[in-house]
Amino acid sequence: MHLSFLVDEQGFVSEVKALSCKSVGSADCLGPETYAATMLVEAVQRSPRWIPARRNGRTVSFPKTEKVEIRLR
């Protein structure tokens, strides 16, 4: 599953969403409508502050896409 989100200049996360399988070109991912996707989006929204990106010595907002693997037992 892939998540996209924005990390702002202070390291806060916003605009978190699970991406569809087609949008990331992967056939082995869970869709954005699944319970697991909902829980992962909520977990990232509640996460502590991230280290913001830097460009030319200044902190900047930066969009990120992260692949998340889920292993069920």
PDB file of N, CA and C in Angstrom:
ATOM      1  N   MET A   1       0.839  -1.155   0.000  1.00  0.00           N
ATOM      2  CA  MET A   1       0.000   0.000   0.000  1.00  0.00           C
ATOM      3  C   MET A   1       0.897   1.235   0.000  1.00  0.00           C
ATOM      4  N   HIS A   2       0.446   2.272  -0.648  1.00  0.00           N
ATOM      5  CA  HIS A   2       1.194   3.523  -0.692  1.00  0.00           C
ATOM      6  C   HIS A   2       0.375   4.640  -0.060  1.00  0.00           C
ATOM      7  N   LEU A   3       1.036   5.477   0.715  1.00  0.00           N
ATOM      8  CA  LEU A   3       0.409   6.642   1.324  1.00  0.00           C
ATOM      9  C   LEU A   3       1.087   7.889   0.787  1.00  0.00           C
ATOM     10  N   SER A   4       0.308   8.917   0.548  1.00  0.00           N
ATOM     11  CA  SER A   4       0.899  10.202   0.174  1.00  0.00           C
ATOM     12  C   SER A   4       0.485  11.218   1.225  1.00  0.00           C
ATOM     13  N   PHE A   5       1.370  12.160   1.508  1.00  0.00           N
ATOM     14  CA  PHE A   5       1.090  13.189   2.499  1.00  0.00           C
ATOM     15  C   PHE A   5       2.047  14.357   2.317  1.00  0.00           C
ATOM     16  N   LEU A   6       1.757  15.427   2.991  1.00  0.00           N
ATOM     17  CA  LEU A   6       2.570  16.634   2.922  1.00  0.00           C
ATOM     18  C   LEU A   6       3.213  16.862   4.280  1.00  0.00           C
ATOM     19  N   VAL A   7       4.520  17.104   4.302  1.00  0.00           N
ATOM     20  CA  VAL A   7       5.230  17.478   5.525  1.00  0.00           C
ATOM     21  C   VAL A   7       5.537  18.970   5.401  1.00  0.00           C
ATOM     22  N   ASP A   8       4.993  19.776   6.332  1.00  0.00           N
ATOM     23  CA  ASP A   8       5.180  21.226   6.223  1.00  0.00           C
ATOM     24  C   ASP A   8       6.510  21.676   6.832  1.00  0.00           C
ATOM     25  N   GLU A   9       6.741  22.984   6.832  1.00  0.00           N
ATOM     26  CA  GLU A   9       8.012  23.552   7.289  1.00  0.00           C
ATOM     27  C   GLU A   9       8.314  23.256   8.759  1.00  0.00           C
ATOM     28  N   GLN A  10       7.272  23.037   9.571  1.00  0.00           N
ATOM     29  CA  GLN A  10       7.468  22.722  10.986  1.00  0.00           C
ATOM     30  C   GLN A  10       7.489  21.223  11.258  1.00  0.00           C
ATOM     31  N   GLY A  11       7.305  20.410  10.218  1.00  0.00           N
ATOM     32  CA  GLY A  11       7.348  18.965  10.367  1.00  0.00           C
ATOM     33  C   GLY A  11       5.995  18.320  10.617  1.00  0.00           C
ATOM     34  N   PHE A  12       4.915  19.101  10.556  1.00  0.00           N
ATOM     35  CA  PHE A  12       3.584  18.536  10.743  1.00  0.00           C
ATOM     36  C   PHE A  12       3.110  17.875   9.454  1.00  0.00           C
ATOM     37  N   VAL A  13       2.372  16.782   9.602  1.00  0.00           N
ATOM     38  CA  VAL A  13       1.874  16.014   8.471  1.00  0.00           C
ATOM     39  C   VAL A  13       0.430  16.418   8.176  1.00  0.00           C
ATOM     40  N   SER A  14       0.101  16.573   6.892  1.00  0.00           N
ATOM     41  CA  SER A  14      -1.270  16.876   6.487  1.00  0.00           C
ATOM     42  C   SER A  14      -1.560  16.220   5.147  1.00  0.00           C
ATOM     43  N   GLU A  15      -2.806  16.303   4.720  1.00  0.00           N
ATOM     44  CA  GLU A  15      -3.234  15.782   3.416  1.00  0.00           C
ATOM     45  C   GLU A  15      -2.867  14.312   3.217  1.00  0.00           C
ATOM     46  N   VAL A  16      -3.043  13.507   4.267  1.00  0.00           N
ATOM     47  CA  VAL A  16      -2.698  12.090   4.206  1.00  0.00           C
ATOM     48  C   VAL A  16      -3.789  11.337   3.456  1.00  0.00           C
ATOM     49  N   LYS A  17      -3.370  10.503   2.497  1.00  0.00           N
ATOM     50  CA  LYS A  17      -4.344   9.662   1.794  1.00  0.00           C
ATOM     51  C   LYS A  17      -3.672   8.395   1.295  1.00  0.00           C
ATOM     52  N   ALA A  18      -4.462   7.336   1.251  1.00  0.00           N
ATOM     53  CA  ALA A  18      -4.003   6.075   0.680  1.00  0.00           C
ATOM     54  C   ALA A  18      -4.209   6.153  -0.823  1.00  0.00           C
ATOM     55  N   LEU A  19      -3.229   5.683  -1.565  1.00  0.00           N
ATOM     56  CA  LEU A  19      -3.304   5.743  -3.020  1.00  0.00           C
ATOM     57  C   LEU A  19      -3.864   4.446  -3.579  1.00  0.00           C
ATOM     58  N   SER A  20      -4.540   4.550  -4.695  1.00  0.00           N
ATOM     59  CA  SER A  20      -5.069   3.359  -5.349  1.00  0.00           C
ATOM     60  C   SER A  20      -3.932   2.585  -5.995  1.00  0.00           C
ATOM     61  N   CYS A  21      -4.169   1.332  -6.246  1.00  0.00           N
ATOM     62  CA  CYS A  21      -3.145   0.485  -6.871  1.00  0.00           C
ATOM     63  C   CYS A  21      -2.765   0.996  -8.254  1.00  0.00           C
ATOM     64  N   LYS A  22      -3.745   1.472  -9.017  1.00  0.00           N
ATOM     65  CA  LYS A  22      -3.467   1.962 -10.363  1.00  0.00           C
ATOM     66  C   LYS A  22      -2.591   3.207 -10.347  1.00  0.00           C
ATOM     67  N   SER A  23      -2.777   4.080  -9.348  1.00  0.00           N
ATOM     68  CA  SER A  23      -2.023   5.335  -9.339  1.00  0.00           C
ATOM     69  C   SER A  23      -0.542   5.130  -9.057  1.00  0.00           C
ATOM     70  N   VAL A  24      -0.185   4.003  -8.444  1.00  0.00           N
ATOM     71  CA  VAL A  24       1.233   3.741  -8.169  1.00  0.00           C
ATOM     72  C   VAL A  24       1.788   2.620  -9.041  1.00  0.00           C
ATOM     73  N   GLY A  25       0.955   2.074  -9.936  1.00  0.00           N
ATOM     74  CA  GLY A  25       1.417   1.050 -10.861  1.00  0.00           C
ATOM     75  C   GLY A  25       1.772  -0.263 -10.210  1.00  0.00           C
ATOM     76  N   SER A  26       1.019  -0.650  -9.189  1.00  0.00           N
ATOM     77  CA  SER A  26       1.310  -1.886  -8.472  1.00  0.00           C
ATOM     78  C   SER A  26       0.062  -2.761  -8.419  1.00  0.00           C
ATOM     79  N   ALA A  27       0.219  -4.035  -8.714  1.00  0.00           N
ATOM     80  CA  ALA A  27      -0.914  -4.953  -8.668  1.00  0.00           C
ATOM     81  C   ALA A  27      -1.052  -5.621  -7.308  1.00  0.00           C
ATOM     82  N   ASP A  28      -0.029  -5.535  -6.462  1.00  0.00           N
ATOM     83  CA  ASP A  28      -0.061  -6.246  -5.185  1.00  0.00           C
ATOM     84  C   ASP A  28      -0.245  -5.292  -3.995  1.00  0.00           C
ATOM     85  N   CYS A  29      -1.175  -4.372  -4.102  1.00  0.00           N
ATOM     86  CA  CYS A  29      -1.409  -3.469  -2.982  1.00  0.00           C
ATOM     87  C   CYS A  29      -2.884  -3.499  -2.600  1.00  0.00           C
ATOM     88  N   LEU A  30      -3.162  -3.035  -1.407  1.00  0.00           N
ATOM     89  CA  LEU A  30      -4.536  -2.935  -0.930  1.00  0.00           C
ATOM     90  C   LEU A  30      -5.125  -1.619  -1.388  1.00  0.00           C
ATOM     91  N   GLY A  31      -6.399  -1.598  -1.655  1.00  0.00           N
ATOM     92  CA  GLY A  31      -7.052  -0.381  -2.109  1.00  0.00           C
ATOM     93  C   GLY A  31      -7.224   0.641  -0.996  1.00  0.00           C
ATOM     94  N   PRO A  32      -7.453   1.905  -1.352  1.00  0.00           N
ATOM     95  CA  PRO A  32      -7.570   2.978  -0.369  1.00  0.00           C
ATOM     96  C   PRO A  32      -8.838   2.886   0.472  1.00  0.00           C
ATOM     97  N   GLU A  33      -9.776   2.033   0.085  1.00  0.00           N
ATOM     98  CA  GLU A  33     -11.038   1.930   0.801  1.00  0.00           C
ATOM     99  C   GLU A  33     -11.027   0.849   1.880  1.00  0.00           C
ATOM    100  N   THR A  34      -9.939   0.130   2.042  1.00  0.00           N
ATOM    101  CA  THR A  34      -9.886  -0.962   3.003  1.00  0.00           C
ATOM    102  C   THR A  34      -9.711  -0.444   4.430  1.00  0.00           C
ATOM    103  N   TYR A  35     -10.056  -1.299   5.372  1.00  0.00           N
ATOM    104  CA  TYR A  35      -9.898  -0.962   6.788  1.00  0.00           C
ATOM    105  C   TYR A  35      -8.424  -0.697   7.113  1.00  0.00           C
ATOM    106  N   ALA A  36      -7.534  -1.501   6.553  1.00  0.00           N
ATOM    107  CA  ALA A  36      -6.099  -1.315   6.811  1.00  0.00           C
ATOM    108  C   ALA A  36      -5.635   0.050   6.322  1.00  0.00           C
ATOM    109  N   ALA A  37      -6.115   0.468   5.161  1.00  0.00           N
ATOM    110  CA  ALA A  37      -5.738   1.775   4.632  1.00  0.00           C
ATOM    111  C   ALA A  37      -6.226   2.883   5.557  1.00  0.00           C
ATOM    112  N   THR A  38      -7.436   2.754   6.036  1.00  0.00           N
ATOM    113  CA  THR A  38      -7.992   3.752   6.954  1.00  0.00           C
ATOM    114  C   THR A  38      -7.156   3.841   8.225  1.00  0.00           C
ATOM    115  N   MET A  39      -6.761   2.704   8.769  1.00  0.00           N
ATOM    116  CA  MET A  39      -5.966   2.698  10.007  1.00  0.00           C
ATOM    117  C   MET A  39      -4.573   3.296   9.773  1.00  0.00           C
ATOM    118  N   LEU A  40      -3.961   3.006   8.617  1.00  0.00           N
ATOM    119  CA  LEU A  40      -2.648   3.572   8.321  1.00  0.00           C
ATOM    120  C   LEU A  40      -2.715   5.087   8.142  1.00  0.00           C
ATOM    121  N   VAL A  41      -3.750   5.573   7.475  1.00  0.00           N
ATOM    122  CA  VAL A  41      -3.921   7.025   7.307  1.00  0.00           C
ATOM    123  C   VAL A  41      -4.053   7.681   8.678  1.00  0.00           C
ATOM    124  N   GLU A  42      -4.860   7.105   9.557  1.00  0.00           N
ATOM    125  CA  GLU A  42      -5.029   7.669  10.900  1.00  0.00           C
ATOM    126  C   GLU A  42      -3.726   7.634  11.691  1.00  0.00           C
ATOM    127  N   ALA A  43      -2.950   6.563  11.542  1.00  0.00           N
ATOM    128  CA  ALA A  43      -1.675   6.459  12.264  1.00  0.00           C
ATOM    129  C   ALA A  43      -0.699   7.549  11.811  1.00  0.00           C
ATOM    130  N   VAL A  44      -0.627   7.796  10.503  1.00  0.00           N
ATOM    131  CA  VAL A  44       0.275   8.841  10.003  1.00  0.00           C
ATOM    132  C   VAL A  44      -0.220  10.216  10.436  1.00  0.00           C
ATOM    133  N   GLN A  45      -1.528  10.427  10.444  1.00  0.00           N
ATOM    134  CA  GLN A  45      -2.068  11.711  10.890  1.00  0.00           C
ATOM    135  C   GLN A  45      -1.723  11.994  12.347  1.00  0.00           C
ATOM    136  N   ARG A  46      -1.647  10.939  13.166  1.00  0.00           N
ATOM    137  CA  ARG A  46      -1.337  11.097  14.595  1.00  0.00           C
ATOM    138  C   ARG A  46       0.156  11.034  14.899  1.00  0.00           C
ATOM    139  N   SER A  47       0.974  10.824  13.881  1.00  0.00           N
ATOM    140  CA  SER A  47       2.409  10.639  14.114  1.00  0.00           C
ATOM    141  C   SER A  47       3.052  11.913  14.658  1.00  0.00           C
ATOM    142  N   PRO A  48       4.170  11.748  15.383  1.00  0.00           N
ATOM    143  CA  PRO A  48       4.897  12.936  15.847  1.00  0.00           C
ATOM    144  C   PRO A  48       5.442  13.726  14.654  1.00  0.00           C
ATOM    145  N   ARG A  49       5.956  14.884  14.938  1.00  0.00           N
ATOM    146  CA  ARG A  49       6.476  15.729  13.862  1.00  0.00           C
ATOM    147  C   ARG A  49       7.620  15.036  13.143  1.00  0.00           C
ATOM    148  N   TRP A  50       7.678  15.247  11.827  1.00  0.00           N
ATOM    149  CA  TRP A  50       8.727  14.717  10.981  1.00  0.00           C
ATOM    150  C   TRP A  50       9.824  15.766  10.826  1.00  0.00           C
ATOM    151  N   ILE A  51      10.962  15.353  10.327  1.00  0.00           N
ATOM    152  CA  ILE A  51      12.026  16.309  10.021  1.00  0.00           C
ATOM    153  C   ILE A  51      11.695  16.904   8.650  1.00  0.00           C
ATOM    154  N   PRO A  52      11.484  18.214   8.580  1.00  0.00           N
ATOM    155  CA  PRO A  52      11.090  18.817   7.298  1.00  0.00           C
ATOM    156  C   PRO A  52      12.233  18.810   6.283  1.00  0.00           C
ATOM    157  N   ALA A  53      11.853  18.907   5.024  1.00  0.00           N
ATOM    158  CA  ALA A  53      12.841  18.975   3.948  1.00  0.00           C
ATOM    159  C   ALA A  53      13.540  20.330   3.976  1.00  0.00           C
ATOM    160  N   ARG A  54      14.747  20.371   3.437  1.00  0.00           N
ATOM    161  CA  ARG A  54      15.498  21.627   3.357  1.00  0.00           C
ATOM    162  C   ARG A  54      15.891  21.870   1.908  1.00  0.00           C
ATOM    163  N   ARG A  55      15.760  23.118   1.495  1.00  0.00           N
ATOM    164  CA  ARG A  55      16.180  23.522   0.155  1.00  0.00           C
ATOM    165  C   ARG A  55      16.896  24.859   0.299  1.00  0.00           C
ATOM    166  N   ASN A  56      18.133  24.909  -0.173  1.00  0.00           N
ATOM    167  CA  ASN A  56      18.954  26.122  -0.076  1.00  0.00           C
ATOM    168  C   ASN A  56      19.051  26.633   1.354  1.00  0.00           C
ATOM    169  N   GLY A  57      19.163  25.690   2.312  1.00  0.00           N
ATOM    170  CA  GLY A  57      19.332  26.053   3.713  1.00  0.00           C
ATOM    171  C   GLY A  57      18.057  26.444   4.436  1.00  0.00           C
ATOM    172  N   ARG A  58      16.921  26.384   3.776  1.00  0.00           N
ATOM    173  CA  ARG A  58      15.649  26.762   4.398  1.00  0.00           C
ATOM    174  C   ARG A  58      14.724  25.547   4.453  1.00  0.00           C
ATOM    175  N   THR A  59      13.929  25.456   5.505  1.00  0.00           N
ATOM    176  CA  THR A  59      12.949  24.372   5.562  1.00  0.00           C
ATOM    177  C   THR A  59      11.788  24.684   4.619  1.00  0.00           C
ATOM    178  N   VAL A  60      11.289  23.649   3.961  1.00  0.00           N
ATOM    179  CA  VAL A  60      10.205  23.813   2.989  1.00  0.00           C
ATOM    180  C   VAL A  60       9.182  22.692   3.169  1.00  0.00           C
ATOM    181  N   SER A  61       7.950  22.952   2.740  1.00  0.00           N
ATOM    182  CA  SER A  61       6.936  21.904   2.674  1.00  0.00           C
ATOM    183  C   SER A  61       7.328  20.942   1.570  1.00  0.00           C
ATOM    184  N   PHE A  62       7.020  19.655   1.787  1.00  0.00           N
ATOM    185  CA  PHE A  62       7.441  18.669   0.800  1.00  0.00           C
ATOM    186  C   PHE A  62       6.446  17.519   0.749  1.00  0.00           C
ATOM    187  N   PRO A  63       5.928  17.187  -0.438  1.00  0.00           N
ATOM    188  CA  PRO A  63       5.042  16.031  -0.548  1.00  0.00           C
ATOM    189  C   PRO A  63       5.854  14.740  -0.515  1.00  0.00           C
ATOM    190  N   LYS A  64       5.318  13.718   0.146  1.00  0.00           N
ATOM    191  CA  LYS A  64       6.001  12.428   0.231  1.00  0.00           C
ATOM    192  C   LYS A  64       5.038  11.326  -0.165  1.00  0.00           C
ATOM    193  N   THR A  65       5.582  10.282  -0.749  1.00  0.00           N
ATOM    194  CA  THR A  65       4.851   9.054  -1.000  1.00  0.00           C
ATOM    195  C   THR A  65       5.670   7.930  -0.390  1.00  0.00           C
ATOM    196  N   GLU A  66       5.055   7.176   0.505  1.00  0.00           N
ATOM    197  CA  GLU A  66       5.748   6.092   1.196  1.00  0.00           C
ATOM    198  C   GLU A  66       5.041   4.773   0.940  1.00  0.00           C
ATOM    199  N   LYS A  67       5.814   3.745   0.675  1.00  0.00           N
ATOM    200  CA  LYS A  67       5.259   2.403   0.546  1.00  0.00           C
ATOM    201  C   LYS A  67       5.213   1.783   1.937  1.00  0.00           C
ATOM    202  N   VAL A  68       4.080   1.189   2.272  1.00  0.00           N
ATOM    203  CA  VAL A  68       3.904   0.556   3.575  1.00  0.00           C
ATOM    204  C   VAL A  68       3.544  -0.904   3.329  1.00  0.00           C
ATOM    205  N   GLU A  69       4.290  -1.801   3.961  1.00  0.00           N
ATOM    206  CA  GLU A  69       4.001  -3.219   3.833  1.00  0.00           C
ATOM    207  C   GLU A  69       3.247  -3.677   5.077  1.00  0.00           C
ATOM    208  N   ILE A  70       2.217  -4.468   4.849  1.00  0.00           N
ATOM    209  CA  ILE A  70       1.425  -5.017   5.950  1.00  0.00           C
ATOM    210  C   ILE A  70       1.568  -6.517   5.916  1.00  0.00           C
ATOM    211  N   ARG A  71       1.947  -7.092   7.047  1.00  0.00           N
ATOM    212  CA  ARG A  71       2.071  -8.547   7.155  1.00  0.00           C
ATOM    213  C   ARG A  71       1.038  -9.034   8.149  1.00  0.00           C
ATOM    214  N   LEU A  72       0.169  -9.897   7.689  1.00  0.00           N
ATOM    215  CA  LEU A  72      -0.867 -10.462   8.542  1.00  0.00           C
ATOM    216  C   LEU A  72      -0.433 -11.831   9.005  1.00  0.00           C
ATOM    217  N   ARG A  73      -0.721 -12.125  10.243  1.00  0.00           N
ATOM    218  CA  ARG A  73      -0.363 -13.437  10.799  1.00  0.00           C
ATOM    219  C   ARG A  73      -1.584 -14.268  10.988  1.00  0.00           C
TER     220      ARG A  73
END
